């Protein structure tokens, strides 16, 4: 990914699934990577929920 490309939620979800499969196949060695991506997924969910709430309240 180049600097001009943004990581989309869809790309992040795809990576999340791939990393989960890698952890399942290869074990705990890759768990720190999975943890980092999991944290990013959760952060984006919270941000999206907050954004939706703000938009709803503003209507």
PDB file of N, CA and C in Angstrom:
ATOM      1  N   UNK A   1       0.842  -1.166   0.000  1.00  0.00           N
ATOM      2  CA  UNK A   1       0.000   0.000   0.000  1.00  0.00           C
ATOM      3  C   UNK A   1       0.892   1.235   0.000  1.00  0.00           C
ATOM      4  N   UNK A   2       0.596   2.153  -0.881  1.00  0.00           N
ATOM      5  CA  UNK A   2       1.388   3.378  -0.950  1.00  0.00           C
ATOM      6  C   UNK A   2       0.854   4.392   0.046  1.00  0.00           C
ATOM      7  N   UNK A   3       1.610   5.451   0.236  1.00  0.00           N
ATOM      8  CA  UNK A   3       1.203   6.483   1.181  1.00  0.00           C
ATOM      9  C   UNK A   3      -0.089   7.158   0.771  1.00  0.00           C
ATOM     10  N   UNK A   4      -0.384   7.190  -0.530  1.00  0.00           N
ATOM     11  CA  UNK A   4      -1.587   7.873  -0.985  1.00  0.00           C
ATOM     12  C   UNK A   4      -2.851   7.026  -0.808  1.00  0.00           C
ATOM     13  N   UNK A   5      -2.691   5.744  -0.516  1.00  0.00           N
ATOM     14  CA  UNK A   5      -3.839   4.882  -0.303  1.00  0.00           C
ATOM     15  C   UNK A   5      -4.211   4.858   1.172  1.00  0.00           C
ATOM     16  N   UNK A   6      -5.531   4.816   1.428  1.00  0.00           N
ATOM     17  CA  UNK A   6      -5.981   4.730   2.806  1.00  0.00           C
ATOM     18  C   UNK A   6      -6.441   3.307   3.087  1.00  0.00           C
ATOM     19  N   UNK A   7      -6.267   2.906   4.318  1.00  0.00           N
ATOM     20  CA  UNK A   7      -6.742   1.604   4.746  1.00  0.00           C
ATOM     21  C   UNK A   7      -8.241   1.699   4.988  1.00  0.00           C
ATOM     22  N   UNK A   8      -9.021   0.992   4.173  1.00  0.00           N
ATOM     23  CA  UNK A   8     -10.471   1.025   4.325  1.00  0.00           C
ATOM     24  C   UNK A   8     -10.907   0.005   5.365  1.00  0.00           C
ATOM     25  N   UNK A   9     -12.126   0.161   5.849  1.00  0.00           N
ATOM     26  CA  UNK A   9     -12.673  -0.801   6.798  1.00  0.00           C
ATOM     27  C   UNK A   9     -12.733  -2.184   6.161  1.00  0.00           C
ATOM     28  N   UNK A  10     -13.045  -2.231   4.867  1.00  0.00           N
ATOM     29  CA  UNK A  10     -13.127  -3.510   4.169  1.00  0.00           C
ATOM     30  C   UNK A  10     -11.762  -4.192   4.089  1.00  0.00           C
ATOM     31  N   UNK A  11     -10.730  -3.412   3.783  1.00  0.00           N
ATOM     32  CA  UNK A  11      -9.370  -3.966   3.736  1.00  0.00           C
ATOM     33  C   UNK A  11      -8.930  -4.444   5.112  1.00  0.00           C
ATOM     34  N   UNK A  12      -9.275  -3.685   6.126  1.00  0.00           N
ATOM     35  CA  UNK A  12      -8.916  -4.055   7.487  1.00  0.00           C
ATOM     36  C   UNK A  12      -9.603  -5.354   7.894  1.00  0.00           C
ATOM     37  N   UNK A  13     -10.884  -5.495   7.565  1.00  0.00           N
ATOM     38  CA  UNK A  13     -11.610  -6.723   7.892  1.00  0.00           C
ATOM     39  C   UNK A  13     -11.006  -7.926   7.167  1.00  0.00           C
ATOM     40  N   UNK A  14     -10.619  -7.741   5.917  1.00  0.00           N
ATOM     41  CA  UNK A  14      -9.990  -8.828   5.155  1.00  0.00           C
ATOM     42  C   UNK A  14      -8.673  -9.239   5.808  1.00  0.00           C
ATOM     43  N   UNK A  15      -7.874  -8.256   6.199  1.00  0.00           N
ATOM     44  CA  UNK A  15      -6.601  -8.550   6.867  1.00  0.00           C
ATOM     45  C   UNK A  15      -6.827  -9.245   8.196  1.00  0.00           C
ATOM     46  N   UNK A  16      -7.857  -8.818   8.911  1.00  0.00           N
ATOM     47  CA  UNK A  16      -8.217  -9.406  10.211  1.00  0.00           C
ATOM     48  C   UNK A  16      -8.489 -10.902  10.059  1.00  0.00           C
ATOM     49  N   UNK A  17      -9.247 -11.250   9.033  1.00  0.00           N
ATOM     50  CA  UNK A  17      -9.570 -12.663   8.793  1.00  0.00           C
ATOM     51  C   UNK A  17      -8.329 -13.462   8.386  1.00  0.00           C
ATOM     52  N   UNK A  18      -7.497 -12.864   7.556  1.00  0.00           N
ATOM     53  CA  UNK A  18      -6.273 -13.551   7.126  1.00  0.00           C
ATOM     54  C   UNK A  18      -5.360 -13.810   8.321  1.00  0.00           C
ATOM     55  N   UNK A  19      -5.192 -12.809   9.155  1.00  0.00           N
ATOM     56  CA  UNK A  19      -4.322 -12.964  10.320  1.00  0.00           C
ATOM     57  C   UNK A  19      -4.899 -13.984  11.295  1.00  0.00           C
ATOM     58  N   UNK A  20      -6.229 -14.011  11.447  1.00  0.00           N
ATOM     59  CA  UNK A  20      -6.853 -15.021  12.306  1.00  0.00           C
ATOM     60  C   UNK A  20      -6.544 -16.424  11.784  1.00  0.00           C
ATOM     61  N   UNK A  21      -6.593 -16.599  10.474  1.00  0.00           N
ATOM     62  CA  UNK A  21      -6.263 -17.911   9.889  1.00  0.00           C
ATOM     63  C   UNK A  21      -4.796 -18.269  10.121  1.00  0.00           C
ATOM     64  N   UNK A  22      -3.928 -17.284  10.018  1.00  0.00           N
ATOM     65  CA  UNK A  22      -2.499 -17.528  10.256  1.00  0.00           C
ATOM     66  C   UNK A  22      -2.278 -17.951  11.703  1.00  0.00           C
ATOM     67  N   UNK A  23      -2.940 -17.289  12.640  1.00  0.00           N
ATOM     68  CA  UNK A  23      -2.805 -17.652  14.061  1.00  0.00           C
ATOM     69  C   UNK A  23      -3.318 -19.075  14.269  1.00  0.00           C
ATOM     70  N   UNK A  24      -4.442 -19.409  13.657  1.00  0.00           N
ATOM     71  CA  UNK A  24      -5.000 -20.760  13.801  1.00  0.00           C
ATOM     72  C   UNK A  24      -4.026 -21.812  13.269  1.00  0.00           C
ATOM     73  N   UNK A  25      -3.390 -21.515  12.139  1.00  0.00           N
ATOM     74  CA  UNK A  25      -2.498 -22.490  11.515  1.00  0.00           C
ATOM     75  C   UNK A  25      -1.107 -22.549  12.140  1.00  0.00           C
ATOM     76  N   UNK A  26      -0.620 -21.412  12.632  1.00  0.00           N
ATOM     77  CA  UNK A  26       0.771 -21.345  13.079  1.00  0.00           C
ATOM     78  C   UNK A  26       0.954 -21.039  14.554  1.00  0.00           C
ATOM     79  N   UNK A  27      -0.128 -20.771  15.253  1.00  0.00           N
ATOM     80  CA  UNK A  27      -0.054 -20.614  16.693  1.00  0.00           C
ATOM     81  C   UNK A  27       0.245 -19.218  17.194  1.00  0.00           C
ATOM     82  N   UNK A  28       0.620 -19.175  18.455  1.00  0.00           N
ATOM     83  CA  UNK A  28       0.778 -17.939  19.218  1.00  0.00           C
ATOM     84  C   UNK A  28       1.840 -16.983  18.692  1.00  0.00           C
ATOM     85  N   UNK A  29       2.724 -17.450  17.869  1.00  0.00           N
ATOM     86  CA  UNK A  29       3.789 -16.592  17.355  1.00  0.00           C
ATOM     87  C   UNK A  29       3.230 -15.329  16.720  1.00  0.00           C
ATOM     88  N   UNK A  30       2.098 -15.451  16.040  1.00  0.00           N
ATOM     89  CA  UNK A  30       1.518 -14.321  15.319  1.00  0.00           C
ATOM     90  C   UNK A  30       0.417 -13.615  16.099  1.00  0.00           C
ATOM     91  N   UNK A  31       0.205 -14.007  17.329  1.00  0.00           N
ATOM     92  CA  UNK A  31      -0.838 -13.405  18.149  1.00  0.00           C
ATOM     93  C   UNK A  31      -0.648 -11.904  18.381  1.00  0.00           C
ATOM     94  N   UNK A  32       0.576 -11.404  18.568  1.00  0.00           N
ATOM     95  CA  UNK A  32       0.732  -9.950  18.734  1.00  0.00           C
ATOM     96  C   UNK A  32       0.245  -9.152  17.515  1.00  0.00           C
ATOM     97  N   UNK A  33       0.439  -9.688  16.324  1.00  0.00           N
ATOM     98  CA  UNK A  33      -0.051  -9.019  15.122  1.00  0.00           C
ATOM     99  C   UNK A  33      -1.576  -9.035  15.120  1.00  0.00           C
ATOM    100  N   UNK A  34      -2.151 -10.183  15.454  1.00  0.00           N
ATOM    101  CA  UNK A  34      -3.607 -10.286  15.520  1.00  0.00           C
ATOM    102  C   UNK A  34      -4.158  -9.305  16.547  1.00  0.00           C
ATOM    103  N   UNK A  35      -3.501  -9.204  17.684  1.00  0.00           N
ATOM    104  CA  UNK A  35      -3.951  -8.298  18.749  1.00  0.00           C
ATOM    105  C   UNK A  35      -3.967  -6.857  18.262  1.00  0.00           C
ATOM    106  N   UNK A  36      -2.931  -6.453  17.555  1.00  0.00           N
ATOM    107  CA  UNK A  36      -2.848  -5.074  17.056  1.00  0.00           C
ATOM    108  C   UNK A  36      -3.961  -4.781  16.055  1.00  0.00           C
ATOM    109  N   UNK A  37      -4.218  -5.717  15.151  1.00  0.00           N
ATOM    110  CA  UNK A  37      -5.276  -5.514  14.169  1.00  0.00           C
ATOM    111  C   UNK A  37      -6.642  -5.544  14.856  1.00  0.00           C
ATOM    112  N   UNK A  38      -6.805  -6.429  15.833  1.00  0.00           N
ATOM    113  CA  UNK A  38      -8.055  -6.492  16.586  1.00  0.00           C
ATOM    114  C   UNK A  38      -8.340  -5.152  17.268  1.00  0.00           C
ATOM    115  N   UNK A  39      -7.326  -4.564  17.864  1.00  0.00           N
ATOM    116  CA  UNK A  39      -7.487  -3.276  18.524  1.00  0.00           C
ATOM    117  C   UNK A  39      -7.890  -2.190  17.534  1.00  0.00           C
ATOM    118  N   UNK A  40      -7.319  -2.221  16.348  1.00  0.00           N
ATOM    119  CA  UNK A  40      -7.677  -1.246  15.322  1.00  0.00           C
ATOM    120  C   UNK A  40      -9.115  -1.450  14.850  1.00  0.00           C
ATOM    121  N   UNK A  41      -9.534  -2.703  14.687  1.00  0.00           N
ATOM    122  CA  UNK A  41     -10.920  -3.001  14.296  1.00  0.00           C
ATOM    123  C   UNK A  41     -11.883  -2.458  15.351  1.00  0.00           C
ATOM    124  N   UNK A  42     -11.596  -2.713  16.610  1.00  0.00           N
ATOM    125  CA  UNK A  42     -12.463  -2.248  17.693  1.00  0.00           C
ATOM    126  C   UNK A  42     -12.496  -0.721  17.763  1.00  0.00           C
ATOM    127  N   UNK A  43     -11.351  -0.082  17.577  1.00  0.00           N
ATOM    128  CA  UNK A  43     -11.289   1.382  17.598  1.00  0.00           C
ATOM    129  C   UNK A  43     -12.148   1.963  16.475  1.00  0.00           C
ATOM    130  N   UNK A  44     -12.043   1.401  15.296  1.00  0.00           N
ATOM    131  CA  UNK A  44     -12.843   1.895  14.172  1.00  0.00           C
ATOM    132  C   UNK A  44     -14.333   1.685  14.406  1.00  0.00           C
ATOM    133  N   UNK A  45     -14.702   0.565  15.013  1.00  0.00           N
ATOM    134  CA  UNK A  45     -16.116   0.332  15.323  1.00  0.00           C
ATOM    135  C   UNK A  45     -16.628   1.419  16.263  1.00  0.00           C
ATOM    136  N   UNK A  46     -15.861   1.723  17.300  1.00  0.00           N
ATOM    137  CA  UNK A  46     -16.258   2.748  18.255  1.00  0.00           C
ATOM    138  C   UNK A  46     -16.356   4.116  17.588  1.00  0.00           C
ATOM    139  N   UNK A  47     -15.410   4.430  16.731  1.00  0.00           N
ATOM    140  CA  UNK A  47     -15.439   5.713  16.039  1.00  0.00           C
ATOM    141  C   UNK A  47     -16.646   5.802  15.103  1.00  0.00           C
ATOM    142  N   UNK A  48     -16.931   4.731  14.383  1.00  0.00           N
ATOM    143  CA  UNK A  48     -18.079   4.720  13.486  1.00  0.00           C
ATOM    144  C   UNK A  48     -19.386   4.844  14.256  1.00  0.00           C
ATOM    145  N   UNK A  49     -19.478   4.159  15.393  1.00  0.00           N
ATOM    146  CA  UNK A  49     -20.677   4.265  16.232  1.00  0.00           C
ATOM    147  C   UNK A  49     -20.860   5.686  16.749  1.00  0.00           C
ATOM    148  N   UNK A  50     -19.768   6.296  17.184  1.00  0.00           N
ATOM    149  CA  UNK A  50     -19.826   7.661  17.684  1.00  0.00           C
ATOM    150  C   UNK A  50     -20.218   8.635  16.576  1.00  0.00           C
ATOM    151  N   UNK A  51     -19.677   8.449  15.401  1.00  0.00           N
ATOM    152  CA  UNK A  51     -20.028   9.285  14.267  1.00  0.00           C
ATOM    153  C   UNK A  51     -21.506   9.150  13.922  1.00  0.00           C
ATOM    154  N   UNK A  52     -22.011   7.934  13.907  1.00  0.00           N
ATOM    155  CA  UNK A  52     -23.430   7.687  13.628  1.00  0.00           C
ATOM    156  C   UNK A  52     -24.314   8.365  14.669  1.00  0.00           C
ATOM    157  N   UNK A  53     -23.919   8.279  15.920  1.00  0.00           N
ATOM    158  CA  UNK A  53     -24.675   8.924  16.985  1.00  0.00           C
ATOM    159  C   UNK A  53     -24.710  10.434  16.796  1.00  0.00           C
ATOM    160  N   UNK A  54     -23.578  11.017  16.484  1.00  0.00           N
ATOM    161  CA  UNK A  54     -23.504  12.463  16.276  1.00  0.00           C
ATOM    162  C   UNK A  54     -24.404  12.885  15.112  1.00  0.00           C
ATOM    163  N   UNK A  55     -24.380  12.126  14.037  1.00  0.00           N
ATOM    164  CA  UNK A  55     -25.211  12.457  12.880  1.00  0.00           C
ATOM    165  C   UNK A  55     -26.687  12.343  13.230  1.00  0.00           C
ATOM    166  N   UNK A  56     -27.055  11.287  13.966  1.00  0.00           N
ATOM    167  CA  UNK A  56     -28.436  11.097  14.365  1.00  0.00           C
ATOM    168  C   UNK A  56     -28.915  12.236  15.272  1.00  0.00           C
ATOM    169  N   UNK A  57     -28.095  12.608  16.209  1.00  0.00           N
ATOM    170  CA  UNK A  57     -28.450  13.691  17.126  1.00  0.00           C
ATOM    171  C   UNK A  57     -28.582  15.043  16.417  1.00  0.00           C
ATOM    172  N   UNK A  58     -27.793  15.236  15.376  1.00  0.00           N
ATOM    173  CA  UNK A  58     -27.801  16.495  14.664  1.00  0.00           C
ATOM    174  C   UNK A  58     -29.016  16.648  13.737  1.00  0.00           C
ATOM    175  N   UNK A  59     -29.705  15.570  13.478  1.00  0.00           N
ATOM    176  CA  UNK A  59     -30.861  15.635  12.566  1.00  0.00           C
ATOM    177  C   UNK A  59     -32.084  16.205  13.235  1.00  0.00           C
TER     178      UNK A  59
END
